[in-house]
Amino acid sequence: MLESHRASSIERGKTSEGEYLIVAQDTTYYTYSGHEQMQGLGYIQGGVRGIM
């Protein structure tokens, strides 16, 4: 799903004329607070059960 985005990002990085390249990341959170039987979840955003 992300392969074309990844390839485009790499190509833009290779053709960058600057000395530095800043790569920002957007992190998505999935909250599973209502799913008490789910195993292996950690705590995110101040005690909410979920994954990042």
Protein backbone atom coordinates (compact mmCIF):
# COMPACT_ATOMS: atom_id res chain seq x y z
CA MET A 1 0.00 0.00 0.00
CA LEU A 2 2.78 2.42 0.82
CA GLU A 3 5.37 1.21 -1.69
CA SER A 4 4.76 3.99 -4.24
CA HIS A 5 4.90 6.63 -1.47
CA ARG A 6 8.13 5.12 -0.14
CA ALA A 7 9.72 5.02 -3.60
CA SER A 8 8.72 8.64 -4.32
CA SER A 9 10.12 9.79 -0.97
CA ILE A 10 13.44 8.05 -1.61
CA GLU A 11 13.70 9.59 -5.07
CA ARG A 12 12.96 13.09 -3.72
CA GLY A 13 15.65 12.56 -1.07
CA LYS A 14 18.22 11.52 -3.66
CA THR A 15 17.59 14.62 -5.77
CA SER A 16 17.61 17.04 -2.83
CA GLU A 17 20.20 19.79 -3.27
CA GLY A 18 20.40 20.71 0.41
CA GLU A 19 22.92 19.50 2.96
CA TYR A 20 20.19 18.19 5.28
CA LEU A 21 16.96 16.31 4.69
CA ILE A 22 14.21 16.51 7.31
CA VAL A 23 11.82 13.54 7.38
CA ALA A 24 8.70 14.08 9.51
CA GLN A 25 6.57 11.17 10.67
CA ASP A 26 2.89 11.06 11.59
CA THR A 27 2.11 8.49 14.26
CA THR A 28 -1.34 6.95 14.38
CA TYR A 29 -2.81 5.58 17.60
CA TYR A 30 -5.38 2.77 17.81
CA THR A 31 -7.37 2.66 21.05
CA TYR A 32 -8.77 -0.65 22.22
CA SER A 33 -10.12 0.40 25.63
CA GLY A 34 -13.44 -1.33 25.00
CA HIS A 35 -11.84 -4.67 24.13
CA GLU A 36 -11.02 -6.09 27.54
CA GLN A 37 -10.05 -9.56 26.22
CA MET A 38 -7.34 -8.30 23.82
CA GLN A 39 -3.91 -9.55 24.85
CA GLY A 40 -0.52 -7.83 24.57
CA LEU A 41 -1.61 -4.20 24.41
CA GLY A 42 0.41 -1.48 26.06
CA TYR A 43 -0.67 1.89 27.41
CA ILE A 44 -0.71 4.99 25.22
CA GLN A 45 -1.71 8.60 25.79
CA GLY A 46 -1.81 8.57 29.57
CA GLY A 47 -3.17 5.15 30.43
CA VAL A 48 -5.40 4.26 27.47
CA ARG A 49 -4.96 0.69 26.22
CA GLY A 50 -3.89 0.50 22.59
CA ILE A 51 -1.08 0.34 20.03
CA MET A 52 0.95 2.88 18.11
